[in-house]
């Protein structure tokens, strides 16, 4: 239960701060796109340092699924993790809707151009993110003091350059919650399928670089 509560709190913080930055920028224009990208990176970094030793601070159903597929954790843990992540995200979006009732999108991720363009971008972005996570983690948890910096840094980087086109979600829970609360579910399939696919593709790539490191890790 401590692991699940940590995932709930961490994902709540991620969605509240990250999509909250988008909502507040819509209202004031003060944060700007680079500020939004940095907010996402910084909140993930801090949550890793806060909860990484408890649950691994996945904060992301795609990451949890990939950890299980890479045999870094038991599949029996996956439903609880994903449920806690989704509940945390929904709680954050619900609170933002209460605080900013006139905001129509609540930070929902929507493709700027063609849906397939955003789908491919989300696959590649999540692939790179998961590749970094697998490389700086042991079991289903981070290793070393620099893990949070590396993971938060790649999230900020990818949000910085790809956010204006696809939203740079890389996280089904992050996209699911504002889409449901705001009613913008027309492209939700994209932001669920693409991150999971990208995260799973990172596993063989990591194994190709780290011969005994990714797929053969001991379960935690």
N, C-alpha and C. Protein backbone atom coordinates (compact mmCIF):
# COMPACT_ATOMS: atom_id res chain seq x y z
N UNK A 1 0.82 -1.21 0.00
CA UNK A 1 0.00 0.00 0.00
C UNK A 1 0.85 1.27 0.00
N UNK A 2 2.01 1.20 0.63
CA UNK A 2 2.90 2.38 0.62
C UNK A 2 3.36 2.69 -0.80
N UNK A 3 3.66 1.64 -1.59
CA UNK A 3 4.06 1.85 -2.98
C UNK A 3 2.94 2.50 -3.77
N UNK A 4 1.72 2.01 -3.59
CA UNK A 4 0.59 2.55 -4.34
C UNK A 4 0.27 3.98 -3.93
N UNK A 5 0.38 4.27 -2.64
CA UNK A 5 0.14 5.64 -2.18
C UNK A 5 1.21 6.58 -2.72
N UNK A 6 2.46 6.08 -2.79
CA UNK A 6 3.54 6.89 -3.36
C UNK A 6 3.27 7.18 -4.84
N UNK A 7 2.78 6.18 -5.59
CA UNK A 7 2.46 6.40 -7.00
C UNK A 7 1.29 7.37 -7.16
N UNK A 8 0.30 7.25 -6.27
CA UNK A 8 -0.83 8.20 -6.29
C UNK A 8 -0.34 9.62 -6.07
N UNK A 9 0.44 9.83 -5.02
CA UNK A 9 0.92 11.17 -4.69
C UNK A 9 1.84 11.72 -5.77
N UNK A 10 2.75 10.88 -6.26
CA UNK A 10 3.69 11.34 -7.27
C UNK A 10 3.01 11.73 -8.56
N UNK A 11 2.03 10.91 -9.00
CA UNK A 11 1.33 11.23 -10.25
C UNK A 11 0.42 12.43 -10.06
N UNK A 12 -0.18 12.55 -8.88
CA UNK A 12 -0.96 13.75 -8.58
C UNK A 12 -0.08 15.00 -8.72
N UNK A 13 1.11 14.96 -8.13
CA UNK A 13 2.00 16.12 -8.20
C UNK A 13 2.41 16.42 -9.64
N UNK A 14 2.70 15.36 -10.41
CA UNK A 14 3.10 15.54 -11.80
C UNK A 14 2.01 16.24 -12.61
N UNK A 15 0.79 15.75 -12.51
CA UNK A 15 -0.30 16.32 -13.31
C UNK A 15 -0.72 17.69 -12.77
N UNK A 16 -0.73 17.84 -11.45
CA UNK A 16 -1.13 19.13 -10.88
C UNK A 16 -0.14 20.23 -11.27
N UNK A 17 1.16 19.96 -11.15
CA UNK A 17 2.15 20.97 -11.48
C UNK A 17 2.30 21.14 -12.99
N UNK A 18 2.40 20.02 -13.72
CA UNK A 18 2.65 20.10 -15.16
C UNK A 18 1.50 20.69 -15.94
N UNK A 19 0.31 20.08 -15.81
CA UNK A 19 -0.83 20.64 -16.53
C UNK A 19 -1.29 21.94 -15.88
N UNK A 20 -1.03 22.07 -14.57
CA UNK A 20 -1.33 23.34 -13.91
C UNK A 20 -0.53 24.49 -14.51
N UNK A 21 0.71 24.22 -14.89
CA UNK A 21 1.51 25.26 -15.54
C UNK A 21 0.89 25.68 -16.86
N UNK A 22 0.33 24.69 -17.59
CA UNK A 22 -0.34 25.02 -18.86
C UNK A 22 -1.58 25.86 -18.61
N UNK A 23 -2.38 25.46 -17.63
CA UNK A 23 -3.61 26.19 -17.31
C UNK A 23 -3.30 27.61 -16.86
N UNK A 24 -2.32 27.77 -16.00
CA UNK A 24 -1.97 29.10 -15.51
C UNK A 24 -1.37 29.96 -16.63
N UNK A 25 -0.61 29.31 -17.52
CA UNK A 25 -0.08 30.07 -18.65
C UNK A 25 -1.20 30.53 -19.58
N UNK A 26 -2.23 29.69 -19.74
CA UNK A 26 -3.39 30.10 -20.55
C UNK A 26 -4.05 31.34 -19.94
N UNK A 27 -4.05 31.42 -18.62
CA UNK A 27 -4.72 32.52 -17.94
C UNK A 27 -3.88 33.78 -17.89
N UNK A 28 -2.55 33.63 -17.77
CA UNK A 28 -1.70 34.80 -17.53
C UNK A 28 -0.63 35.03 -18.60
N UNK A 29 -0.23 33.97 -19.31
CA UNK A 29 0.86 34.08 -20.28
C UNK A 29 2.22 34.23 -19.65
N UNK A 30 2.31 34.07 -18.34
CA UNK A 30 3.56 34.38 -17.62
C UNK A 30 4.57 33.23 -17.64
N UNK A 31 4.10 32.02 -17.81
CA UNK A 31 5.02 30.88 -17.67
C UNK A 31 5.78 30.60 -18.96
N UNK A 32 5.13 30.67 -20.09
CA UNK A 32 5.69 30.44 -21.43
C UNK A 32 5.97 28.96 -21.66
N UNK A 33 6.19 28.62 -22.93
CA UNK A 33 6.44 27.22 -23.26
C UNK A 33 7.69 26.65 -22.60
N UNK A 34 8.83 27.35 -22.63
CA UNK A 34 10.00 26.81 -21.91
C UNK A 34 9.73 26.59 -20.43
N UNK A 35 8.95 27.46 -19.82
CA UNK A 35 8.62 27.30 -18.41
C UNK A 35 7.77 26.07 -18.16
N UNK A 36 6.85 25.79 -19.07
CA UNK A 36 6.01 24.59 -18.95
C UNK A 36 6.87 23.34 -19.06
N UNK A 37 7.78 23.32 -20.05
CA UNK A 37 8.66 22.17 -20.23
C UNK A 37 9.52 21.94 -18.99
N UNK A 38 10.06 23.01 -18.44
CA UNK A 38 10.89 22.89 -17.24
C UNK A 38 10.06 22.43 -16.04
N UNK A 39 8.82 22.87 -15.95
CA UNK A 39 7.95 22.45 -14.85
C UNK A 39 7.75 20.94 -14.87
N UNK A 40 7.47 20.39 -16.05
CA UNK A 40 7.31 18.94 -16.15
C UNK A 40 8.59 18.22 -15.76
N UNK A 41 9.73 18.68 -16.26
CA UNK A 41 10.99 18.03 -15.92
C UNK A 41 11.31 18.12 -14.45
N UNK A 42 11.09 19.28 -13.86
CA UNK A 42 11.44 19.48 -12.46
C UNK A 42 10.53 18.70 -11.52
N UNK A 43 9.24 18.63 -11.83
CA UNK A 43 8.34 17.91 -10.92
C UNK A 43 8.63 16.41 -10.97
N UNK A 44 8.97 15.88 -12.15
CA UNK A 44 9.33 14.47 -12.23
C UNK A 44 10.62 14.22 -11.46
N UNK A 45 11.59 15.10 -11.62
CA UNK A 45 12.86 14.94 -10.91
C UNK A 45 12.63 14.92 -9.40
N UNK A 46 11.86 15.86 -8.89
CA UNK A 46 11.65 15.94 -7.45
C UNK A 46 10.85 14.75 -6.93
N UNK A 47 9.88 14.27 -7.70
CA UNK A 47 9.10 13.11 -7.26
C UNK A 47 9.95 11.84 -7.25
N UNK A 48 10.91 11.74 -8.16
CA UNK A 48 11.83 10.60 -8.14
C UNK A 48 12.65 10.61 -6.86
N UNK A 49 13.16 11.76 -6.47
CA UNK A 49 13.92 11.85 -5.23
C UNK A 49 13.03 11.66 -4.00
N UNK A 50 11.77 12.01 -4.13
CA UNK A 50 10.85 11.89 -3.01
C UNK A 50 10.38 10.45 -2.82
N UNK A 51 10.01 9.78 -3.91
CA UNK A 51 9.37 8.46 -3.81
C UNK A 51 10.12 7.34 -4.52
N UNK A 52 11.26 7.64 -5.13
CA UNK A 52 11.97 6.62 -5.88
C UNK A 52 12.35 5.40 -5.07
N UNK A 53 12.69 5.61 -3.81
CA UNK A 53 13.10 4.50 -2.96
C UNK A 53 11.91 3.72 -2.41
N UNK A 54 10.69 4.25 -2.61
CA UNK A 54 9.49 3.57 -2.12
C UNK A 54 8.86 2.72 -3.23
N UNK A 55 8.52 3.38 -4.32
CA UNK A 55 7.81 2.69 -5.41
C UNK A 55 8.57 2.67 -6.72
N UNK A 56 9.67 3.40 -6.79
CA UNK A 56 10.36 3.59 -8.05
C UNK A 56 9.94 4.88 -8.75
N UNK A 57 8.87 5.51 -8.26
CA UNK A 57 8.35 6.75 -8.85
C UNK A 57 8.18 6.62 -10.35
N UNK A 58 7.38 5.62 -10.75
CA UNK A 58 7.09 5.45 -12.17
C UNK A 58 6.25 6.61 -12.69
N UNK A 59 5.14 6.87 -12.00
CA UNK A 59 4.24 8.00 -12.30
C UNK A 59 3.65 7.91 -13.70
N UNK A 60 3.69 6.73 -14.31
CA UNK A 60 3.42 6.62 -15.74
C UNK A 60 3.06 5.17 -16.06
N UNK A 61 1.83 4.89 -16.52
CA UNK A 61 1.46 3.51 -16.86
C UNK A 61 2.34 2.87 -17.93
N UNK A 62 2.85 3.67 -18.87
CA UNK A 62 3.72 3.12 -19.90
C UNK A 62 5.04 2.64 -19.30
N UNK A 63 5.57 3.40 -18.34
CA UNK A 63 6.82 3.01 -17.67
C UNK A 63 6.60 1.75 -16.85
N UNK A 64 5.50 1.68 -16.12
CA UNK A 64 5.19 0.50 -15.32
C UNK A 64 5.05 -0.74 -16.21
N UNK A 65 4.34 -0.60 -17.32
CA UNK A 65 4.16 -1.72 -18.25
C UNK A 65 5.50 -2.19 -18.80
N UNK A 66 6.36 -1.24 -19.16
CA UNK A 66 7.67 -1.60 -19.70
C UNK A 66 8.56 -2.25 -18.66
N UNK A 67 8.51 -1.78 -17.42
CA UNK A 67 9.29 -2.41 -16.35
C UNK A 67 8.87 -3.87 -16.18
N UNK A 68 7.56 -4.13 -16.24
CA UNK A 68 7.09 -5.51 -16.10
C UNK A 68 7.52 -6.35 -17.30
N UNK A 69 7.40 -5.78 -18.50
CA UNK A 69 7.80 -6.51 -19.71
C UNK A 69 9.30 -6.81 -19.72
N UNK A 70 10.09 -5.91 -19.10
CA UNK A 70 11.53 -6.10 -19.01
C UNK A 70 11.93 -6.95 -17.81
N UNK A 71 10.94 -7.49 -17.12
CA UNK A 71 11.15 -8.34 -15.95
C UNK A 71 11.85 -7.59 -14.81
N UNK A 72 11.56 -6.30 -14.73
CA UNK A 72 12.08 -5.51 -13.61
C UNK A 72 11.12 -5.52 -12.42
N UNK A 73 9.86 -5.94 -12.64
CA UNK A 73 8.88 -6.04 -11.57
C UNK A 73 7.89 -7.12 -11.97
N UNK A 74 7.10 -7.59 -11.01
CA UNK A 74 6.12 -8.63 -11.27
C UNK A 74 4.87 -8.04 -11.95
N UNK A 75 4.31 -8.78 -12.90
CA UNK A 75 3.09 -8.34 -13.56
C UNK A 75 1.94 -8.17 -12.57
N UNK A 76 1.97 -8.91 -11.46
CA UNK A 76 0.90 -8.81 -10.48
C UNK A 76 0.82 -7.43 -9.84
N UNK A 77 1.93 -6.68 -9.88
CA UNK A 77 1.95 -5.33 -9.30
C UNK A 77 1.40 -4.28 -10.26
N UNK A 78 1.32 -4.61 -11.54
CA UNK A 78 1.00 -3.60 -12.56
C UNK A 78 -0.39 -3.00 -12.39
N UNK A 79 -1.46 -3.80 -12.20
CA UNK A 79 -2.79 -3.17 -12.06
C UNK A 79 -2.88 -2.17 -10.93
N UNK A 80 -2.28 -2.49 -9.78
CA UNK A 80 -2.31 -1.57 -8.66
C UNK A 80 -1.57 -0.29 -8.95
N UNK A 81 -0.39 -0.40 -9.56
CA UNK A 81 0.39 0.77 -9.92
C UNK A 81 -0.39 1.67 -10.87
N UNK A 82 -0.92 1.07 -11.94
CA UNK A 82 -1.63 1.87 -12.94
C UNK A 82 -2.89 2.49 -12.35
N UNK A 83 -3.60 1.74 -11.53
CA UNK A 83 -4.79 2.29 -10.88
C UNK A 83 -4.46 3.49 -10.01
N UNK A 84 -3.37 3.39 -9.24
CA UNK A 84 -2.96 4.50 -8.38
C UNK A 84 -2.54 5.71 -9.21
N UNK A 85 -1.83 5.46 -10.30
CA UNK A 85 -1.39 6.56 -11.17
C UNK A 85 -2.57 7.29 -11.80
N UNK A 86 -3.51 6.53 -12.32
CA UNK A 86 -4.69 7.13 -12.96
C UNK A 86 -5.52 7.89 -11.92
N UNK A 87 -5.70 7.32 -10.74
CA UNK A 87 -6.47 8.01 -9.70
C UNK A 87 -5.78 9.30 -9.27
N UNK A 88 -4.47 9.28 -9.13
CA UNK A 88 -3.74 10.49 -8.78
C UNK A 88 -3.88 11.56 -9.85
N UNK A 89 -3.79 11.15 -11.11
CA UNK A 89 -3.93 12.10 -12.22
C UNK A 89 -5.34 12.70 -12.27
N UNK A 90 -6.35 11.85 -12.10
CA UNK A 90 -7.74 12.33 -12.12
C UNK A 90 -8.01 13.29 -10.96
N UNK A 91 -7.44 13.00 -9.80
CA UNK A 91 -7.61 13.90 -8.66
C UNK A 91 -7.00 15.26 -8.94
N UNK A 92 -5.83 15.27 -9.56
CA UNK A 92 -5.17 16.54 -9.88
C UNK A 92 -5.96 17.34 -10.90
N UNK A 93 -6.45 16.67 -11.96
CA UNK A 93 -7.23 17.38 -12.98
C UNK A 93 -8.56 17.86 -12.42
N UNK A 94 -9.15 17.07 -11.53
CA UNK A 94 -10.39 17.52 -10.89
C UNK A 94 -10.18 18.76 -10.05
N UNK A 95 -9.07 18.80 -9.32
CA UNK A 95 -8.77 19.98 -8.50
C UNK A 95 -8.50 21.20 -9.39
N UNK A 96 -7.78 21.00 -10.49
CA UNK A 96 -7.51 22.12 -11.40
C UNK A 96 -8.81 22.62 -12.03
N UNK A 97 -9.73 21.70 -12.33
CA UNK A 97 -11.02 22.12 -12.88
C UNK A 97 -11.80 22.95 -11.87
N UNK A 98 -11.70 22.60 -10.60
CA UNK A 98 -12.36 23.36 -9.53
C UNK A 98 -11.73 24.75 -9.38
N UNK A 99 -10.38 24.81 -9.48
CA UNK A 99 -9.67 26.08 -9.29
C UNK A 99 -9.80 27.00 -10.50
N UNK A 100 -9.87 26.40 -11.70
CA UNK A 100 -9.93 27.18 -12.94
C UNK A 100 -11.09 26.70 -13.79
N UNK A 101 -12.32 26.96 -13.37
CA UNK A 101 -13.50 26.41 -14.05
C UNK A 101 -13.72 26.93 -15.47
N UNK A 102 -13.09 28.03 -15.83
CA UNK A 102 -13.29 28.58 -17.17
C UNK A 102 -12.29 28.03 -18.18
N UNK A 103 -11.31 27.28 -17.73
CA UNK A 103 -10.34 26.72 -18.67
C UNK A 103 -10.95 25.52 -19.37
N UNK A 104 -10.94 25.54 -20.69
CA UNK A 104 -11.67 24.52 -21.46
C UNK A 104 -10.92 23.21 -21.60
N UNK A 105 -9.58 23.24 -21.58
CA UNK A 105 -8.81 22.05 -21.91
C UNK A 105 -8.07 21.44 -20.72
N UNK A 106 -7.77 22.23 -19.70
CA UNK A 106 -7.09 21.74 -18.50
C UNK A 106 -5.75 21.06 -18.81
N UNK A 107 -5.09 21.54 -19.87
CA UNK A 107 -3.79 20.98 -20.21
C UNK A 107 -3.86 19.69 -20.99
N UNK A 108 -5.01 19.38 -21.59
CA UNK A 108 -5.15 18.16 -22.38
C UNK A 108 -4.19 18.17 -23.55
N UNK A 109 -3.66 17.00 -23.89
CA UNK A 109 -2.75 16.88 -25.02
C UNK A 109 -3.55 16.65 -26.29
N UNK A 110 -3.34 17.51 -27.27
CA UNK A 110 -4.03 17.43 -28.56
C UNK A 110 -3.02 17.64 -29.68
N UNK A 111 -3.12 16.88 -30.76
CA UNK A 111 -2.16 17.06 -31.86
C UNK A 111 -2.34 18.39 -32.56
N UNK A 112 -1.22 19.04 -32.87
CA UNK A 112 -1.26 20.31 -33.58
C UNK A 112 -1.53 20.10 -35.06
N UNK A 113 -0.97 19.04 -35.63
CA UNK A 113 -1.14 18.73 -37.04
C UNK A 113 -1.89 17.42 -37.22
N UNK A 114 -1.38 16.57 -38.10
CA UNK A 114 -2.00 15.28 -38.35
C UNK A 114 -1.83 14.35 -37.15
N UNK A 115 -2.86 13.58 -36.80
CA UNK A 115 -2.73 12.65 -35.67
C UNK A 115 -1.57 11.67 -35.82
N UNK A 116 -1.32 11.18 -37.03
CA UNK A 116 -0.24 10.22 -37.22
C UNK A 116 1.12 10.86 -36.95
N UNK A 117 1.26 12.13 -37.25
CA UNK A 117 2.50 12.84 -36.95
C UNK A 117 2.74 12.85 -35.44
N UNK A 118 1.71 13.16 -34.67
CA UNK A 118 1.83 13.17 -33.22
C UNK A 118 2.02 11.77 -32.67
N UNK A 119 1.37 10.77 -33.29
CA UNK A 119 1.53 9.40 -32.85
C UNK A 119 2.99 8.97 -32.95
N UNK A 120 3.60 9.22 -34.09
CA UNK A 120 5.00 8.84 -34.29
C UNK A 120 5.91 9.60 -33.33
N UNK A 121 5.64 10.88 -33.16
CA UNK A 121 6.44 11.67 -32.21
C UNK A 121 6.34 11.10 -30.80
N UNK A 122 5.14 10.77 -30.37
CA UNK A 122 4.96 10.23 -29.02
C UNK A 122 5.66 8.88 -28.86
N UNK A 123 5.64 8.06 -29.89
CA UNK A 123 6.35 6.78 -29.83
C UNK A 123 7.85 7.02 -29.64
N UNK A 124 8.40 7.90 -30.46
CA UNK A 124 9.85 8.16 -30.39
C UNK A 124 10.23 8.82 -29.07
N UNK A 125 9.45 9.79 -28.64
CA UNK A 125 9.75 10.48 -27.38
C UNK A 125 9.72 9.52 -26.20
N UNK A 126 8.71 8.65 -26.15
CA UNK A 126 8.61 7.71 -25.03
C UNK A 126 9.69 6.65 -25.12
N UNK A 127 10.05 6.25 -26.34
CA UNK A 127 11.17 5.33 -26.54
C UNK A 127 12.44 5.89 -25.92
N UNK A 128 12.74 7.14 -26.22
CA UNK A 128 13.96 7.76 -25.68
C UNK A 128 13.88 7.91 -24.17
N UNK A 129 12.71 8.31 -23.67
CA UNK A 129 12.53 8.44 -22.22
C UNK A 129 12.74 7.10 -21.52
N UNK A 130 12.12 6.04 -22.04
CA UNK A 130 12.23 4.74 -21.40
C UNK A 130 13.64 4.19 -21.52
N UNK A 131 14.32 4.49 -22.60
CA UNK A 131 15.70 4.07 -22.75
C UNK A 131 16.58 4.67 -21.65
N UNK A 132 16.35 5.93 -21.35
CA UNK A 132 17.08 6.59 -20.26
C UNK A 132 16.69 5.96 -18.93
N UNK A 133 15.39 5.75 -18.70
CA UNK A 133 14.94 5.19 -17.42
C UNK A 133 15.55 3.80 -17.19
N UNK A 134 15.51 2.95 -18.21
CA UNK A 134 16.09 1.62 -18.07
C UNK A 134 17.58 1.67 -17.80
N UNK A 135 18.24 2.66 -18.36
CA UNK A 135 19.69 2.76 -18.23
C UNK A 135 20.13 3.29 -16.87
N UNK A 136 19.27 4.06 -16.21
CA UNK A 136 19.67 4.65 -14.92
C UNK A 136 18.93 4.04 -13.75
N UNK A 137 18.28 2.88 -13.99
CA UNK A 137 17.52 2.24 -12.92
C UNK A 137 18.04 0.84 -12.67
N UNK A 138 17.74 0.36 -11.50
CA UNK A 138 18.05 -1.02 -11.15
C UNK A 138 16.79 -1.65 -10.61
N UNK A 139 16.39 -2.78 -11.14
CA UNK A 139 15.07 -3.29 -10.82
C UNK A 139 14.03 -2.32 -11.35
N UNK A 140 13.07 -2.01 -10.54
CA UNK A 140 12.05 -1.03 -10.92
C UNK A 140 12.29 0.31 -10.25
N UNK A 141 13.52 0.51 -9.73
CA UNK A 141 13.83 1.74 -9.01
C UNK A 141 15.05 2.42 -9.60
N UNK A 142 15.20 3.70 -9.30
CA UNK A 142 16.33 4.46 -9.81
C UNK A 142 17.61 4.08 -9.08
N UNK A 143 18.73 4.34 -9.70
CA UNK A 143 20.00 4.09 -9.03
C UNK A 143 20.83 5.36 -9.06
N UNK A 144 21.45 5.66 -7.93
CA UNK A 144 22.36 6.80 -7.89
C UNK A 144 21.65 8.13 -7.79
N UNK A 145 22.42 9.13 -7.39
CA UNK A 145 21.86 10.46 -7.15
C UNK A 145 21.53 11.19 -8.44
N UNK A 146 22.10 10.76 -9.55
CA UNK A 146 21.88 11.47 -10.82
C UNK A 146 20.68 10.95 -11.60
N UNK A 147 20.02 9.89 -11.15
CA UNK A 147 18.91 9.31 -11.90
C UNK A 147 17.78 10.32 -12.10
N UNK A 148 17.39 11.01 -11.05
CA UNK A 148 16.32 11.99 -11.15
C UNK A 148 16.66 13.11 -12.11
N UNK A 149 17.91 13.54 -12.10
CA UNK A 149 18.34 14.61 -13.00
C UNK A 149 18.26 14.15 -14.45
N UNK A 150 18.73 12.90 -14.71
CA UNK A 150 18.72 12.39 -16.08
C UNK A 150 17.29 12.24 -16.60
N UNK A 151 16.41 11.67 -15.79
CA UNK A 151 15.03 11.45 -16.24
C UNK A 151 14.26 12.76 -16.35
N UNK A 152 14.38 13.62 -15.35
CA UNK A 152 13.73 14.92 -15.43
C UNK A 152 14.27 15.75 -16.58
N UNK A 153 15.58 15.62 -16.84
CA UNK A 153 16.19 16.38 -17.93
C UNK A 153 15.68 15.96 -19.29
N UNK A 154 15.54 14.66 -19.51
CA UNK A 154 15.07 14.22 -20.83
C UNK A 154 13.61 14.58 -21.03
N UNK A 155 12.81 14.58 -19.96
CA UNK A 155 11.41 15.00 -20.08
C UNK A 155 11.32 16.48 -20.44
N UNK A 156 12.11 17.31 -19.76
CA UNK A 156 12.11 18.75 -20.08
C UNK A 156 12.58 18.99 -21.50
N UNK A 157 13.63 18.28 -21.91
CA UNK A 157 14.18 18.44 -23.26
C UNK A 157 13.15 18.09 -24.32
N UNK A 158 12.50 16.94 -24.15
CA UNK A 158 11.53 16.50 -25.16
C UNK A 158 10.29 17.39 -25.18
N UNK A 159 9.86 17.83 -24.00
CA UNK A 159 8.72 18.75 -23.95
C UNK A 159 9.07 20.09 -24.59
N UNK A 160 10.33 20.48 -24.47
CA UNK A 160 10.77 21.76 -25.02
C UNK A 160 10.63 21.80 -26.54
N UNK A 161 11.10 20.73 -27.21
CA UNK A 161 11.11 20.81 -28.68
C UNK A 161 9.89 20.18 -29.34
N UNK A 162 9.25 19.20 -28.69
CA UNK A 162 8.13 18.51 -29.33
C UNK A 162 6.77 18.90 -28.77
N UNK A 163 6.76 19.55 -27.62
CA UNK A 163 5.50 19.93 -27.00
C UNK A 163 4.56 20.71 -27.89
N UNK A 164 5.04 21.69 -28.66
CA UNK A 164 4.12 22.48 -29.48
C UNK A 164 3.41 21.68 -30.56
N UNK A 165 3.94 20.51 -30.95
CA UNK A 165 3.32 19.71 -32.00
C UNK A 165 2.42 18.62 -31.43
N UNK A 166 2.94 17.82 -30.52
CA UNK A 166 2.17 16.66 -30.03
C UNK A 166 1.78 16.76 -28.57
N UNK A 167 2.32 17.73 -27.85
CA UNK A 167 2.06 17.84 -26.42
C UNK A 167 3.10 17.16 -25.57
N UNK A 168 3.91 16.28 -26.18
CA UNK A 168 4.99 15.57 -25.47
C UNK A 168 4.47 14.95 -24.18
N UNK A 169 3.42 14.16 -24.29
CA UNK A 169 2.83 13.53 -23.11
C UNK A 169 3.73 12.44 -22.56
N UNK A 170 3.99 11.42 -23.37
CA UNK A 170 4.83 10.27 -22.98
C UNK A 170 4.24 9.52 -21.79
N UNK A 171 2.97 9.78 -21.48
CA UNK A 171 2.40 9.28 -20.25
C UNK A 171 0.87 9.18 -20.37
N UNK A 172 0.33 7.96 -20.48
CA UNK A 172 -1.13 7.82 -20.63
C UNK A 172 -1.94 8.47 -19.50
N UNK A 173 -1.45 8.38 -18.26
CA UNK A 173 -2.19 8.96 -17.14
C UNK A 173 -2.23 10.47 -17.24
N UNK A 174 -1.11 11.08 -17.65
CA UNK A 174 -1.04 12.53 -17.78
C UNK A 174 -2.04 13.04 -18.82
N UNK A 175 -2.26 12.25 -19.90
CA UNK A 175 -3.20 12.65 -20.95
C UNK A 175 -4.63 12.25 -20.63
N UNK A 176 -4.79 11.09 -19.98
CA UNK A 176 -6.13 10.57 -19.71
C UNK A 176 -6.92 11.51 -18.80
N UNK A 177 -6.30 11.97 -17.72
CA UNK A 177 -7.03 12.74 -16.71
C UNK A 177 -7.60 14.05 -17.25
N UNK A 178 -6.76 14.94 -17.83
CA UNK A 178 -7.36 16.19 -18.34
C UNK A 178 -8.33 15.96 -19.48
N UNK A 179 -8.11 14.90 -20.28
CA UNK A 179 -9.04 14.62 -21.38
C UNK A 179 -10.42 14.25 -20.85
N UNK A 180 -10.46 13.41 -19.82
CA UNK A 180 -11.75 12.99 -19.26
C UNK A 180 -12.43 14.14 -18.54
N UNK A 181 -11.68 14.86 -17.72
CA UNK A 181 -12.29 15.94 -16.93
C UNK A 181 -12.77 17.08 -17.83
N UNK A 182 -12.01 17.37 -18.91
CA UNK A 182 -12.38 18.47 -19.80
C UNK A 182 -13.31 18.04 -20.93
N UNK A 183 -13.39 16.73 -21.18
CA UNK A 183 -14.24 16.24 -22.25
C UNK A 183 -13.57 16.16 -23.60
N UNK A 184 -12.26 16.46 -23.68
CA UNK A 184 -11.53 16.41 -24.95
C UNK A 184 -10.91 15.02 -25.13
N UNK A 185 -11.74 14.05 -25.51
CA UNK A 185 -11.28 12.67 -25.60
C UNK A 185 -11.09 12.22 -27.06
N UNK A 186 -11.21 13.14 -28.01
CA UNK A 186 -11.22 12.74 -29.41
C UNK A 186 -9.90 12.12 -29.88
N UNK A 187 -8.80 12.50 -29.27
CA UNK A 187 -7.50 11.93 -29.66
C UNK A 187 -6.85 11.15 -28.52
N UNK A 188 -7.64 10.74 -27.55
CA UNK A 188 -7.07 10.10 -26.37
C UNK A 188 -6.39 8.77 -26.71
N UNK A 189 -6.93 8.05 -27.69
CA UNK A 189 -6.33 6.76 -28.07
C UNK A 189 -4.86 6.91 -28.41
N UNK A 190 -4.53 8.01 -29.08
CA UNK A 190 -3.16 8.27 -29.50
C UNK A 190 -2.22 8.35 -28.30
N UNK A 191 -2.66 9.04 -27.27
CA UNK A 191 -1.79 9.30 -26.12
C UNK A 191 -1.80 8.14 -25.11
N UNK A 192 -2.58 7.11 -25.39
CA UNK A 192 -2.49 5.88 -24.61
C UNK A 192 -1.64 4.85 -25.36
N UNK A 193 -1.93 4.67 -26.64
CA UNK A 193 -1.24 3.63 -27.42
C UNK A 193 0.22 3.98 -27.71
N UNK A 194 0.47 5.22 -28.12
CA UNK A 194 1.84 5.58 -28.54
C UNK A 194 2.86 5.49 -27.41
N UNK A 195 2.59 6.02 -26.21
CA UNK A 195 3.58 5.89 -25.14
C UNK A 195 3.85 4.44 -24.74
N UNK A 196 2.83 3.61 -24.71
CA UNK A 196 3.04 2.20 -24.35
C UNK A 196 3.91 1.52 -25.40
N UNK A 197 3.62 1.76 -26.67
CA UNK A 197 4.43 1.18 -27.74
C UNK A 197 5.86 1.67 -27.67
N UNK A 198 6.06 2.95 -27.49
CA UNK A 198 7.41 3.50 -27.41
C UNK A 198 8.20 2.95 -26.24
N UNK A 199 7.54 2.81 -25.09
CA UNK A 199 8.21 2.27 -23.90
C UNK A 199 8.62 0.82 -24.12
N UNK A 200 7.75 0.03 -24.74
CA UNK A 200 8.08 -1.38 -24.99
C UNK A 200 9.21 -1.52 -26.00
N UNK A 201 9.26 -0.65 -26.99
CA UNK A 201 10.34 -0.71 -27.99
C UNK A 201 11.70 -0.40 -27.37
N UNK A 202 11.70 0.33 -26.26
CA UNK A 202 12.97 0.67 -25.61
C UNK A 202 13.65 -0.54 -24.98
N UNK A 203 12.88 -1.57 -24.68
CA UNK A 203 13.45 -2.73 -23.98
C UNK A 203 14.48 -3.46 -24.84
N UNK A 204 14.14 -3.89 -26.07
CA UNK A 204 15.17 -4.55 -26.87
C UNK A 204 16.33 -3.63 -27.23
N UNK A 205 16.07 -2.34 -27.37
CA UNK A 205 17.15 -1.40 -27.67
C UNK A 205 18.13 -1.33 -26.50
N UNK A 206 17.60 -1.29 -25.27
CA UNK A 206 18.46 -1.27 -24.10
C UNK A 206 19.25 -2.57 -23.98
N UNK A 207 18.58 -3.69 -24.24
CA UNK A 207 19.26 -4.98 -24.16
C UNK A 207 20.36 -5.09 -25.21
N UNK A 208 20.17 -4.42 -26.36
CA UNK A 208 21.20 -4.45 -27.39
C UNK A 208 22.45 -3.69 -27.00
N UNK A 209 22.29 -2.70 -26.13
CA UNK A 209 23.43 -1.91 -25.67
C UNK A 209 24.03 -2.50 -24.41
N UNK A 210 23.16 -2.90 -23.49
CA UNK A 210 23.59 -3.44 -22.19
C UNK A 210 23.25 -4.92 -22.19
N UNK A 211 24.21 -5.74 -22.56
CA UNK A 211 23.96 -7.14 -22.86
C UNK A 211 23.21 -7.88 -21.78
N UNK A 212 23.54 -7.66 -20.52
CA UNK A 212 22.85 -8.36 -19.44
C UNK A 212 22.11 -7.41 -18.51
N UNK A 213 21.88 -6.18 -18.99
CA UNK A 213 21.41 -5.16 -18.07
C UNK A 213 19.93 -4.89 -18.05
N UNK A 214 19.26 -4.99 -19.22
CA UNK A 214 17.87 -4.53 -19.27
C UNK A 214 16.85 -5.63 -19.06
N UNK A 215 16.84 -6.60 -19.94
CA UNK A 215 15.79 -7.60 -19.90
C UNK A 215 16.05 -8.67 -18.87
N UNK A 216 17.29 -8.80 -18.45
CA UNK A 216 17.63 -9.91 -17.56
C UNK A 216 17.79 -9.45 -16.11
N UNK A 217 17.33 -8.25 -15.81
CA UNK A 217 17.48 -7.75 -14.44
C UNK A 217 16.62 -8.55 -13.49
N UNK A 218 17.07 -8.67 -12.27
CA UNK A 218 16.30 -9.39 -11.25
C UNK A 218 15.04 -8.62 -10.91
N UNK A 219 13.99 -9.34 -10.67
CA UNK A 219 12.75 -8.69 -10.28
C UNK A 219 12.88 -8.11 -8.90
N UNK A 220 12.27 -6.93 -8.71
CA UNK A 220 12.32 -6.30 -7.40
C UNK A 220 11.01 -6.51 -6.68
